[in-house]
Full PDB file with SEQRES, HELIX, SHEET, SSBOND, CRYST1, ORIGX, SCALE, CONECT and MASTER records, all heavy atoms in Angstrom:
SEQRES   1 A   38  HIS GLN VAL GLY ALA ALA VAL GLN GLY ALA PRO ALA CYS          
SEQRES   2 A   38  ASN GLY TRP THR PHE TRP HIS PHE GLU GLY GLU GLY GLY          
SEQRES   3 A   38  ARG ARG PRO ILE ASP LEU LEU ARG GLN GLN VAL ARG              
HELIX    1 AA1 GLN A    2  GLN A    8  1                                   7    
HELIX    2 AA2 GLY A   15  PHE A   18  1                                   4    
HELIX    3 AA3 ASP A   31  VAL A   37  1                                   7    
SHEET    1 AA1 2 HIS A  20  GLY A  23  0                                        
SHEET    2 AA1 2 GLY A  26  PRO A  29 -1                                        
CRYST1    1.000    1.000    1.000  90.00  90.00  90.00 P 1           1          
ORIGX1      1.000000  0.000000  0.000000        0.00000                         
ORIGX2      0.000000  1.000000  0.000000        0.00000                         
ORIGX3      0.000000  0.000000  1.000000        0.00000                         
SCALE1      1.000000  0.000000  0.000000        0.00000                         
SCALE2      0.000000  1.000000  0.000000        0.00000                         
SCALE3      0.000000  0.000000  1.000000        0.00000                         
ATOM      1  N   HIS A   1      95.031  90.142  98.228  1.00  0.00           N  
ATOM      2  CA  HIS A   1      93.677  90.610  98.591  1.00  0.00           C  
ATOM      3  C   HIS A   1      93.746  91.966  99.314  1.00  0.00           C  
ATOM      4  O   HIS A   1      92.934  92.844  99.053  1.00  0.00           O  
ATOM      5  CB  HIS A   1      93.031  89.548  99.546  1.00  0.00           C  
ATOM      6  CG  HIS A   1      93.161  88.127  99.047  1.00  0.00           C  
ATOM      7  ND1 HIS A   1      92.568  87.698  97.880  1.00  0.00           N  
ATOM      8  CD2 HIS A   1      93.813  87.077  99.501  1.00  0.00           C  
ATOM      9  CE1 HIS A   1      92.808  86.404  97.671  1.00  0.00           C  
ATOM     10  NE2 HIS A   1      93.606  86.010  98.648  1.00  0.00           N  
ATOM     11  N   GLN A   2      94.735  92.094 100.215  1.00  0.00           N  
ATOM     12  CA  GLN A   2      94.846  93.342 100.982  1.00  0.00           C  
ATOM     13  C   GLN A   2      95.210  94.496 100.058  1.00  0.00           C  
ATOM     14  O   GLN A   2      94.536  95.617 100.161  1.00  0.00           O  
ATOM     15  CB  GLN A   2      95.947  93.215 102.044  1.00  0.00           C  
ATOM     16  CG  GLN A   2      95.614  92.252 103.120  1.00  0.00           C  
ATOM     17  CD  GLN A   2      96.824  91.893 104.015  1.00  0.00           C  
ATOM     18  OE1 GLN A   2      98.026  91.982 103.555  1.00  0.00           O  
ATOM     19  NE2 GLN A   2      96.578  91.546 105.276  1.00  0.00           N  
ATOM     20  N   VAL A   3      96.126  94.341  99.113  1.00  0.00           N  
ATOM     21  CA  VAL A   3      96.479  95.441  98.250  1.00  0.00           C  
ATOM     22  C   VAL A   3      95.354  95.688  97.269  1.00  0.00           C  
ATOM     23  O   VAL A   3      95.071  96.864  96.922  1.00  0.00           O  
ATOM     24  CB  VAL A   3      97.756  95.095  97.458  1.00  0.00           C  
ATOM     25  CG1 VAL A   3      98.104  96.147  96.463  1.00  0.00           C  
ATOM     26  CG2 VAL A   3      98.935  94.960  98.465  1.00  0.00           C  
ATOM     27  N   GLY A   4      94.669  94.652  96.763  1.00  0.00           N  
ATOM     28  CA  GLY A   4      93.523  94.871  95.897  1.00  0.00           C  
ATOM     29  C   GLY A   4      92.438  95.690  96.555  1.00  0.00           C  
ATOM     30  O   GLY A   4      91.861  96.555  95.914  1.00  0.00           O  
ATOM     31  N   ALA A   5      92.196  95.439  97.808  1.00  0.00           N  
ATOM     32  CA  ALA A   5      91.165  96.237  98.559  1.00  0.00           C  
ATOM     33  C   ALA A   5      91.656  97.646  98.722  1.00  0.00           C  
ATOM     34  O   ALA A   5      90.906  98.628  98.606  1.00  0.00           O  
ATOM     35  CB  ALA A   5      90.862  95.525  99.889  1.00  0.00           C  
ATOM     36  N   ALA A   6      92.939  97.788  99.087  1.00  0.00           N  
ATOM     37  CA  ALA A   6      93.461  99.112  99.407  1.00  0.00           C  
ATOM     38  C   ALA A   6      93.429 100.076  98.201  1.00  0.00           C  
ATOM     39  O   ALA A   6      93.078 101.210  98.329  1.00  0.00           O  
ATOM     40  CB  ALA A   6      94.916  99.019  99.950  1.00  0.00           C  
ATOM     41  N   VAL A   7      93.861  99.578  97.022  1.00  0.00           N  
ATOM     42  CA  VAL A   7      93.867 100.453  95.864  1.00  0.00           C  
ATOM     43  C   VAL A   7      92.479 100.860  95.390  1.00  0.00           C  
ATOM     44  O   VAL A   7      92.289 101.829  94.704  1.00  0.00           O  
ATOM     45  CB  VAL A   7      94.650  99.798  94.689  1.00  0.00           C  
ATOM     46  CG1 VAL A   7      96.112  99.561  95.096  1.00  0.00           C  
ATOM     47  CG2 VAL A   7      93.976  98.525  94.234  1.00  0.00           C  
ATOM     48  N   GLN A   8      91.483 100.074  95.791  1.00  0.00           N  
ATOM     49  CA  GLN A   8      90.082 100.449  95.475  1.00  0.00           C  
ATOM     50  C   GLN A   8      89.403 101.238  96.549  1.00  0.00           C  
ATOM     51  O   GLN A   8      88.279 101.741  96.340  1.00  0.00           O  
ATOM     52  CB  GLN A   8      89.299  99.180  95.200  1.00  0.00           C  
ATOM     53  CG  GLN A   8      89.784  98.337  94.064  1.00  0.00           C  
ATOM     54  CD  GLN A   8      88.944  97.039  93.926  1.00  0.00           C  
ATOM     55  OE1 GLN A   8      87.886  97.058  93.291  1.00  0.00           O  
ATOM     56  NE2 GLN A   8      89.405  95.980  94.572  1.00  0.00           N  
ATOM     57  N   GLY A   9      90.036 101.272  97.703  1.00  0.00           N  
ATOM     58  CA  GLY A   9      89.321 101.857  98.878  1.00  0.00           C  
ATOM     59  C   GLY A   9      88.126 101.057  99.306  1.00  0.00           C  
ATOM     60  O   GLY A   9      87.115 101.552  99.775  1.00  0.00           O  
ATOM     61  N   ALA A  10      88.227  99.697  99.079  1.00  0.00           N  
ATOM     62  CA  ALA A  10      87.131  98.778  99.360  1.00  0.00           C  
ATOM     63  C   ALA A  10      87.455  98.014 100.647  1.00  0.00           C  
ATOM     64  O   ALA A  10      88.605  97.842 101.016  1.00  0.00           O  
ATOM     65  CB  ALA A  10      86.953  97.844  98.220  1.00  0.00           C  
ATOM     66  N   PRO A  11      86.438  97.509 101.367  1.00  0.00           N  
ATOM     67  CA  PRO A  11      86.632  96.774 102.576  1.00  0.00           C  
ATOM     68  C   PRO A  11      87.253  95.392 102.306  1.00  0.00           C  
ATOM     69  O   PRO A  11      87.895  94.811 103.247  1.00  0.00           O  
ATOM     70  CB  PRO A  11      85.228  96.659 103.168  1.00  0.00           C  
ATOM     71  CG  PRO A  11      84.298  96.785 102.009  1.00  0.00           C  
ATOM     72  CD  PRO A  11      84.964  97.730 101.101  1.00  0.00           C  
ATOM     73  N   ALA A  12      87.097  94.832 101.129  1.00  0.00           N  
ATOM     74  CA  ALA A  12      87.608  93.475 100.841  1.00  0.00           C  
ATOM     75  C   ALA A  12      87.741  93.341  99.339  1.00  0.00           C  
ATOM     76  O   ALA A  12      87.196  94.109  98.549  1.00  0.00           O  
ATOM     77  CB  ALA A  12      86.659  92.403 101.384  1.00  0.00           C  
ATOM     78  N   CYS A  13      88.508  92.327  98.966  1.00  0.00           N  
ATOM     79  CA  CYS A  13      88.784  92.114  97.480  1.00  0.00           C  
ATOM     80  C   CYS A  13      89.213  90.652  97.295  1.00  0.00           C  
ATOM     81  O   CYS A  13      89.957  90.116  98.121  1.00  0.00           O  
ATOM     82  CB  CYS A  13      89.839  93.042  97.016  1.00  0.00           C  
ATOM     83  SG  CYS A  13      90.456  92.720  95.311  1.00  0.00           S  
ATOM     84  N   ASN A  14      88.760  90.065  96.220  1.00  0.00           N  
ATOM     85  CA  ASN A  14      89.291  88.717  95.842  1.00  0.00           C  
ATOM     86  C   ASN A  14      90.424  88.983  94.843  1.00  0.00           C  
ATOM     87  O   ASN A  14      90.180  89.241  93.669  1.00  0.00           O  
ATOM     88  CB  ASN A  14      88.156  87.942  95.168  1.00  0.00           C  
ATOM     89  CG  ASN A  14      88.628  86.526  94.753  1.00  0.00           C  
ATOM     90  OD1 ASN A  14      89.813  86.221  94.838  1.00  0.00           O  
ATOM     91  ND2 ASN A  14      87.714  85.692  94.386  1.00  0.00           N  
ATOM     92  N   GLY A  15      91.613  88.937  95.391  1.00  0.00           N  
ATOM     93  CA  GLY A  15      92.777  89.234  94.573  1.00  0.00           C  
ATOM     94  C   GLY A  15      92.987  88.306  93.408  1.00  0.00           C  
ATOM     95  O   GLY A  15      93.578  88.729  92.363  1.00  0.00           O  
ATOM     96  N   TRP A  16      92.478  87.055  93.497  1.00  0.00           N  
ATOM     97  CA  TRP A  16      92.665  86.142  92.420  1.00  0.00           C  
ATOM     98  C   TRP A  16      91.946  86.574  91.153  1.00  0.00           C  
ATOM     99  O   TRP A  16      92.433  86.280  90.046  1.00  0.00           O  
ATOM    100  CB  TRP A  16      92.164  84.720  92.857  1.00  0.00           C  
ATOM    101  CG  TRP A  16      93.075  84.050  93.889  1.00  0.00           C  
ATOM    102  CD1 TRP A  16      92.778  83.904  95.206  1.00  0.00           C  
ATOM    103  CD2 TRP A  16      94.376  83.528  93.657  1.00  0.00           C  
ATOM    104  NE1 TRP A  16      93.799  83.268  95.821  1.00  0.00           N  
ATOM    105  CE2 TRP A  16      94.780  83.035  94.932  1.00  0.00           C  
ATOM    106  CE3 TRP A  16      95.205  83.444  92.586  1.00  0.00           C  
ATOM    107  CZ2 TRP A  16      96.040  82.436  95.067  1.00  0.00           C  
ATOM    108  CZ3 TRP A  16      96.476  82.845  92.722  1.00  0.00           C  
ATOM    109  CH2 TRP A  16      96.852  82.336  93.983  1.00  0.00           C  
ATOM    110  N   THR A  17      90.826  87.206  91.301  1.00  0.00           N  
ATOM    111  CA  THR A  17      90.078  87.674  90.114  1.00  0.00           C  
ATOM    112  C   THR A  17      90.353  89.119  89.792  1.00  0.00           C  
ATOM    113  O   THR A  17      90.111  89.562  88.663  1.00  0.00           O  
ATOM    114  CB  THR A  17      88.575  87.421  90.292  1.00  0.00           C  
ATOM    115  OG1 THR A  17      88.146  88.054  91.498  1.00  0.00           O  
ATOM    116  CG2 THR A  17      88.318  85.914  90.406  1.00  0.00           C  
ATOM    117  N   PHE A  18      90.825  89.913  90.784  1.00  0.00           N  
ATOM    118  CA  PHE A  18      91.072  91.351  90.570  1.00  0.00           C  
ATOM    119  C   PHE A  18      92.343  91.581  89.772  1.00  0.00           C  
ATOM    120  O   PHE A  18      92.393  92.399  88.842  1.00  0.00           O  
ATOM    121  CB  PHE A  18      91.090  92.080  91.898  1.00  0.00           C  
ATOM    122  CG  PHE A  18      91.406  93.532  91.791  1.00  0.00           C  
ATOM    123  CD1 PHE A  18      90.387  94.429  91.369  1.00  0.00           C  
ATOM    124  CD2 PHE A  18      92.621  94.078  92.049  1.00  0.00           C  
ATOM    125  CE1 PHE A  18      90.643  95.786  91.228  1.00  0.00           C  
ATOM    126  CE2 PHE A  18      92.898  95.421  91.904  1.00  0.00           C  
ATOM    127  CZ  PHE A  18      91.909  96.305  91.485  1.00  0.00           C  
ATOM    128  N   TRP A  19      93.453  90.872  90.187  1.00  0.00           N  
ATOM    129  CA  TRP A  19      94.734  91.103  89.541  1.00  0.00           C  
ATOM    130  C   TRP A  19      94.891  90.293  88.252  1.00  0.00           C  
ATOM    131  O   TRP A  19      94.519  89.115  88.226  1.00  0.00           O  
ATOM    132  CB  TRP A  19      95.858  90.797  90.535  1.00  0.00           C  
ATOM    133  CG  TRP A  19      95.925  91.762  91.690  1.00  0.00           C  
ATOM    134  CD1 TRP A  19      95.596  91.467  92.985  1.00  0.00           C  
ATOM    135  CD2 TRP A  19      96.202  93.154  91.691  1.00  0.00           C  
ATOM    136  NE1 TRP A  19      95.730  92.557  93.793  1.00  0.00           N  
ATOM    137  CE2 TRP A  19      96.107  93.620  92.990  1.00  0.00           C  
ATOM    138  CE3 TRP A  19      96.566  94.044  90.665  1.00  0.00           C  
ATOM    139  CZ2 TRP A  19      96.354  94.944  93.318  1.00  0.00           C  
ATOM    140  CZ3 TRP A  19      96.805  95.366  91.009  1.00  0.00           C  
ATOM    141  CH2 TRP A  19      96.727  95.800  92.319  1.00  0.00           C  
ATOM    142  N   HIS A  20      95.502  90.946  87.272  1.00  0.00           N  
ATOM    143  CA  HIS A  20      95.680  90.250  85.962  1.00  0.00           C  
ATOM    144  C   HIS A  20      97.144  90.393  85.547  1.00  0.00           C  
ATOM    145  O   HIS A  20      97.901  91.264  85.960  1.00  0.00           O  
ATOM    146  CB  HIS A  20      94.861  90.978  84.891  1.00  0.00           C  
ATOM    147  CG  HIS A  20      93.361  90.729  85.023  1.00  0.00           C  
ATOM    148  ND1 HIS A  20      92.645  91.153  86.143  1.00  0.00           N  
ATOM    149  CD2 HIS A  20      92.486  90.145  84.169  1.00  0.00           C  
ATOM    150  CE1 HIS A  20      91.355  90.773  85.949  1.00  0.00           C  
ATOM    151  NE2 HIS A  20      91.260  90.207  84.794  1.00  0.00           N  
ATOM    152  N   PHE A  21      97.585  89.399  84.759  1.00  0.00           N  
ATOM    153  CA  PHE A  21      98.919  89.393  84.165  1.00  0.00           C  
ATOM    154  C   PHE A  21      98.768  89.484  82.663  1.00  0.00           C  
ATOM    155  O   PHE A  21      97.686  89.230  82.094  1.00  0.00           O  
ATOM    156  CB  PHE A  21      99.705  88.132  84.558  1.00  0.00           C  
ATOM    157  CG  PHE A  21      99.158  86.882  83.981  1.00  0.00           C  
ATOM    158  CD1 PHE A  21      99.703  86.286  82.795  1.00  0.00           C  
ATOM    159  CD2 PHE A  21      98.088  86.229  84.575  1.00  0.00           C  
ATOM    160  CE1 PHE A  21      99.158  85.137  82.296  1.00  0.00           C  
ATOM    161  CE2 PHE A  21      97.526  85.072  84.064  1.00  0.00           C  
ATOM    162  CZ  PHE A  21      98.121  84.501  82.875  1.00  0.00           C  
ATOM    163  N   GLU A  22      99.846  89.851  81.983  1.00  0.00           N  
ATOM    164  CA  GLU A  22      99.801  89.970  80.508  1.00  0.00           C  
ATOM    165  C   GLU A  22     100.075  88.584  79.924  1.00  0.00           C  
ATOM    166  O   GLU A  22     101.155  88.035  80.108  1.00  0.00           O  
ATOM    167  CB  GLU A  22     100.840  90.949  80.023  1.00  0.00           C  
ATOM    168  CG  GLU A  22     100.532  92.415  80.365  1.00  0.00           C  
ATOM    169  CD  GLU A  22      99.279  92.910  79.660  1.00  0.00           C  
ATOM    170  OE1 GLU A  22      98.981  92.406  78.578  1.00  0.00           O  
ATOM    171  OE2 GLU A  22      98.684  93.835  80.216  1.00  0.00           O  
ATOM    172  N   GLY A  23      99.089  88.046  79.307  1.00  0.00           N  
ATOM    173  CA  GLY A  23      99.223  86.704  78.708  1.00  0.00           C  
ATOM    174  C   GLY A  23      98.801  86.707  77.225  1.00  0.00           C  
ATOM    175  O   GLY A  23      98.593  87.794  76.669  1.00  0.00           O  
ATOM    176  N   GLU A  24      98.706  85.513  76.669  1.00  0.00           N  
ATOM    177  CA  GLU A  24      98.282  85.442  75.293  1.00  0.00           C  
ATOM    178  C   GLU A  24      96.839  85.965  75.165  1.00  0.00           C  
ATOM    179  O   GLU A  24      95.970  85.630  75.954  1.00  0.00           O  
ATOM    180  CB  GLU A  24      98.266  83.943  74.835  1.00  0.00           C  
ATOM    181  CG  GLU A  24      99.646  83.419  74.529  1.00  0.00           C  
ATOM    182  CD  GLU A  24      99.590  82.016  73.934  1.00  0.00           C  
ATOM    183  OE1 GLU A  24      98.620  81.774  73.193  1.00  0.00           O  
ATOM    184  OE2 GLU A  24     100.487  81.228  74.243  1.00  0.00           O  
ATOM    185  N   GLY A  25      96.664  86.890  74.254  1.00  0.00           N  
ATOM    186  CA  GLY A  25      95.312  87.466  74.038  1.00  0.00           C  
ATOM    187  C   GLY A  25      95.022  88.666  74.966  1.00  0.00           C  
ATOM    188  O   GLY A  25      93.917  89.118  74.966  1.00  0.00           O  
ATOM    189  N   GLY A  26      96.038  89.097  75.736  1.00  0.00           N  
ATOM    190  CA  GLY A  26      95.833  90.261  76.572  1.00  0.00           C  
ATOM    191  C   GLY A  26      95.876  89.903  78.050  1.00  0.00           C  
ATOM    192  O   GLY A  26      96.521  88.956  78.520  1.00  0.00           O  
ATOM    193  N   ARG A  27      95.171  90.718  78.858  1.00  0.00           N  
ATOM    194  CA  ARG A  27      95.226  90.547  80.316  1.00  0.00           C  
ATOM    195  C   ARG A  27      94.422  89.349  80.733  1.00  0.00           C  
ATOM    196  O   ARG A  27      93.271  89.149  80.306  1.00  0.00           O  
ATOM    197  CB  ARG A  27      94.697  91.814  81.004  1.00  0.00           C  
ATOM    198  CG  ARG A  27      95.516  93.052  80.742  1.00  0.00           C  
ATOM    199  CD  ARG A  27      95.026  94.221  81.612  1.00  0.00           C  
ATOM    200  NE  ARG A  27      95.807  95.473  81.238  1.00  0.00           N  
ATOM    201  CZ  ARG A  27      95.386  96.348  80.335  1.00  0.00           C  
ATOM    202  NH1 ARG A  27      94.230  96.134  79.715  1.00  0.00           N  
ATOM    203  NH2 ARG A  27      96.117  97.376  80.036  1.00  0.00           N  
ATOM    204  N   ARG A  28      95.001  88.511  81.620  1.00  0.00           N  
ATOM    205  CA  ARG A  28      94.336  87.307  82.112  1.00  0.00           C  
ATOM    206  C   ARG A  28      94.384  87.315  83.621  1.00  0.00           C  
ATOM    207  O   ARG A  28      95.388  87.689  84.234  1.00  0.00           O  
ATOM    208  CB  ARG A  28      95.032  86.027  81.573  1.00  0.00           C  
ATOM    209  CG  ARG A  28      95.349  86.064  80.098  1.00  0.00           C  
ATOM    210  CD  ARG A  28      94.096  86.015  79.272  1.00  0.00           C  
ATOM    211  NE  ARG A  28      93.363  84.736  79.470  1.00  0.00           N  
ATOM    212  CZ  ARG A  28      93.690  83.573  78.848  1.00  0.00           C  
ATOM    213  NH1 ARG A  28      94.709  83.597  78.046  1.00  0.00           N  
ATOM    214  NH2 ARG A  28      92.997  82.491  79.097  1.00  0.00           N  
ATOM    215  N   PRO A  29      93.332  86.857  84.304  1.00  0.00           N  
ATOM    216  CA  PRO A  29      93.329  86.842  85.793  1.00  0.00           C  
ATOM    217  C   PRO A  29      94.339  85.857  86.296  1.00  0.00           C  
ATOM    218  O   PRO A  29      94.530  84.759  85.724  1.00  0.00           O  
ATOM    219  CB  PRO A  29      91.893  86.451  86.115  1.00  0.00           C  
ATOM    220  CG  PRO A  29      91.393  85.757  84.911  1.00  0.00           C  
ATOM    221  CD  PRO A  29      92.037  86.427  83.757  1.00  0.00           C  
ATOM    222  N   ILE A  30      95.000  86.214  87.360  1.00  0.00           N  
ATOM    223  CA  ILE A  30      95.983  85.289  87.957  1.00  0.00           C  
ATOM    224  C   ILE A  30      95.339  84.009  88.495  1.00  0.00           C  
ATOM    225  O   ILE A  30      96.071  83.026  88.724  1.00  0.00           O  
ATOM    226  CB  ILE A  30      96.785  85.973  89.103  1.00  0.00           C  
ATOM    227  CG1 ILE A  30      95.857  86.429  90.263  1.00  0.00           C  
ATOM    228  CG2 ILE A  30      97.593  87.175  88.577  1.00  0.00           C  
ATOM    229  CD1 ILE A  30      96.638  86.953  91.472  1.00  0.00           C  
ATOM    230  N   ASP A  31      94.049  83.952  88.618  1.00  0.00           N  
ATOM    231  CA  ASP A  31      93.376  82.724  88.982  1.00  0.00           C  
ATOM    232  C   ASP A  31      93.634  81.575  88.001  1.00  0.00           C  
ATOM    233  O   ASP A  31      93.602  80.428  88.369  1.00  0.00           O  
ATOM    234  CB  ASP A  31      91.886  82.966  89.160  1.00  0.00           C  
ATOM    235  CG  ASP A  31      91.163  81.838  89.893  1.00  0.00           C  
ATOM    236  OD1 ASP A  31      91.757  81.327  90.860  1.00  0.00           O  
ATOM    237  OD2 ASP A  31      90.090  81.435  89.475  1.00  0.00           O  
ATOM    238  N   LEU A  32      93.875  81.961  86.708  1.00  0.00           N  
ATOM    239  CA  LEU A  32      94.156  80.953  85.739  1.00  0.00           C  
ATOM    240  C   LEU A  32      95.515  80.239  86.089  1.00  0.00           C  
ATOM    241  O   LEU A  32      95.657  79.027  85.821  1.00  0.00           O  
ATOM    242  CB  LEU A  32      94.277  81.572  84.351  1.00  0.00           C  
ATOM    243  CG  LEU A  32      92.975  82.144  83.756  1.00  0.00           C  
ATOM    244  CD1 LEU A  32      93.228  82.753  82.408  1.00  0.00           C  
ATOM    245  CD2 LEU A  32      91.950  81.060  83.629  1.00  0.00           C  
ATOM    246  N   LEU A  33      96.445  80.985  86.619  1.00  0.00           N  
ATOM    247  CA  LEU A  33      97.755  80.363  87.030  1.00  0.00           C  
ATOM    248  C   LEU A  33      97.508  79.454  88.231  1.00  0.00           C  
ATOM    249  O   LEU A  33      98.163  78.393  88.315  1.00  0.00           O  
ATOM    250  CB  LEU A  33      98.730  81.462  87.369  1.00  0.00           C  
ATOM    251  CG  LEU A  33      99.059  82.461  86.229  1.00  0.00           C  
ATOM    252  CD1 LEU A  33     100.035  83.497  86.680  1.00  0.00           C  
ATOM    253  CD2 LEU A  33      99.615  81.678  84.987  1.00  0.00           C  
ATOM    254  N   ARG A  34      96.614  79.882  89.135  1.00  0.00           N  
ATOM    255  CA  ARG A  34      96.304  78.978  90.282  1.00  0.00           C  
ATOM    256  C   ARG A  34      95.710  77.681  89.833  1.00  0.00           C  
ATOM    257  O   ARG A  34      96.052  76.572  90.320  1.00  0.00           O  
ATOM    258  CB  ARG A  34      95.371  79.702  91.241  1.00  0.00           C  
ATOM    259  CG  ARG A  34      94.961  78.834  92.411  1.00  0.00           C  
ATOM    260  CD  ARG A  34      94.197  79.607  93.475  1.00  0.00           C  
ATOM    261  NE  ARG A  34      92.917  80.138  93.038  1.00  0.00           N  
ATOM    262  CZ  ARG A  34      91.918  80.541  93.845  1.00  0.00           C  
ATOM    263  NH1 ARG A  34      92.177  80.471  95.171  1.00  0.00           N  
ATOM    264  NH2 ARG A  34      90.830  81.001  93.384  1.00  0.00           N  
ATOM    265  N   GLN A  35      94.766  77.784  88.807  1.00  0.00           N  
ATOM    266  CA  GLN A  35      94.147  76.509  88.326  1.00  0.00           C  
ATOM    267  C   GLN A  35      95.203  75.672  87.618  1.00  0.00           C  
ATOM    268  O   GLN A  35      95.121  74.437  87.626  1.00  0.00           O  
ATOM    269  CB  GLN A  35      93.073  76.903  87.324  1.00  0.00           C  
ATOM    270  CG  GLN A  35      91.852  77.605  87.988  1.00  0.00           C  
ATOM    271  CD  GLN A  35      91.227  76.747  89.043  1.00  0.00           C  
ATOM    272  OE1 GLN A  35      91.191  75.544  88.993  1.00  0.00           O  
ATOM    273  NE2 GLN A  35      90.717  77.422  90.110  1.00  0.00           N  
ATOM    274  N   GLN A  36      96.168  76.278  87.004  1.00  0.00           N  
ATOM    275  CA  GLN A  36      97.256  75.505  86.339  1.00  0.00           C  
ATOM    276  C   GLN A  36      98.049  74.759  87.405  1.00  0.00           C  
ATOM    277  O   GLN A  36      98.445  73.558  87.129  1.00  0.00           O  
ATOM    278  CB  GLN A  36      98.155  76.505  85.605  1.00  0.00           C  
ATOM    279  CG  GLN A  36      99.228  75.798  84.736  1.00  0.00           C  
ATOM    280  CD  GLN A  36     100.017  76.831  83.882  1.00  0.00           C  
ATOM    281  OE1 GLN A  36      99.494  77.877  83.544  1.00  0.00           O  
ATOM    282  NE2 GLN A  36     101.259  76.495  83.649  1.00  0.00           N  
ATOM    283  N   VAL A  37      98.321  75.346  88.554  1.00  0.00           N  
ATOM    284  CA  VAL A  37      99.041  74.638  89.589  1.00  0.00           C  
ATOM    285  C   VAL A  37      98.205  73.493  90.142  1.00  0.00           C  
ATOM    286  O   VAL A  37      98.732  72.366  90.353  1.00  0.00           O  
ATOM    287  CB  VAL A  37      99.415  75.609  90.710  1.00  0.00           C  
ATOM    288  CG1 VAL A  37     100.004  74.899  91.915  1.00  0.00           C  
ATOM    289  CG2 VAL A  37     100.375  76.673  90.271  1.00  0.00           C  
ATOM    290  N   ARG A  38      96.909  73.760  90.349  1.00  0.00           N  
ATOM    291  CA  ARG A  38      96.055  72.659  90.859  1.00  0.00           C  
ATOM    292  C   ARG A  38      96.008  71.484  89.891  1.00  0.00           C  
ATOM    293  O   ARG A  38      95.983  70.319  90.361  1.00  0.00           O  
ATOM    294  CB  ARG A  38      94.621  73.224  91.053  1.00  0.00           C  
ATOM    295  CG  ARG A  38      94.412  73.986  92.353  1.00  0.00           C  
ATOM    296  CD  ARG A  38      92.975  74.292  92.629  1.00  0.00           C  
ATOM    297  NE  ARG A  38      92.795  74.927  93.868  1.00  0.00           N  
ATOM    298  CZ  ARG A  38      92.070  76.054  94.035  1.00  0.00           C  
ATOM    299  NH1 ARG A  38      91.467  76.598  92.983  1.00  0.00           N  
ATOM    300  NH2 ARG A  38      91.936  76.561  95.267  1.00  0.00           N  
TER     301      ARG A  38                                                      
MASTER        0    0    0    3    2    0    0    6  300    1    0    3          
END                                                                             
């Protein structure tokens, strides 16, 4: 969250939806991996 906000110059950021990994079909939000763990 901190790095996501910093690179945008924003006061806050939801890192789970901002950051993406390379998965099947292209970039996917890391929140999908969190849901997989849950």
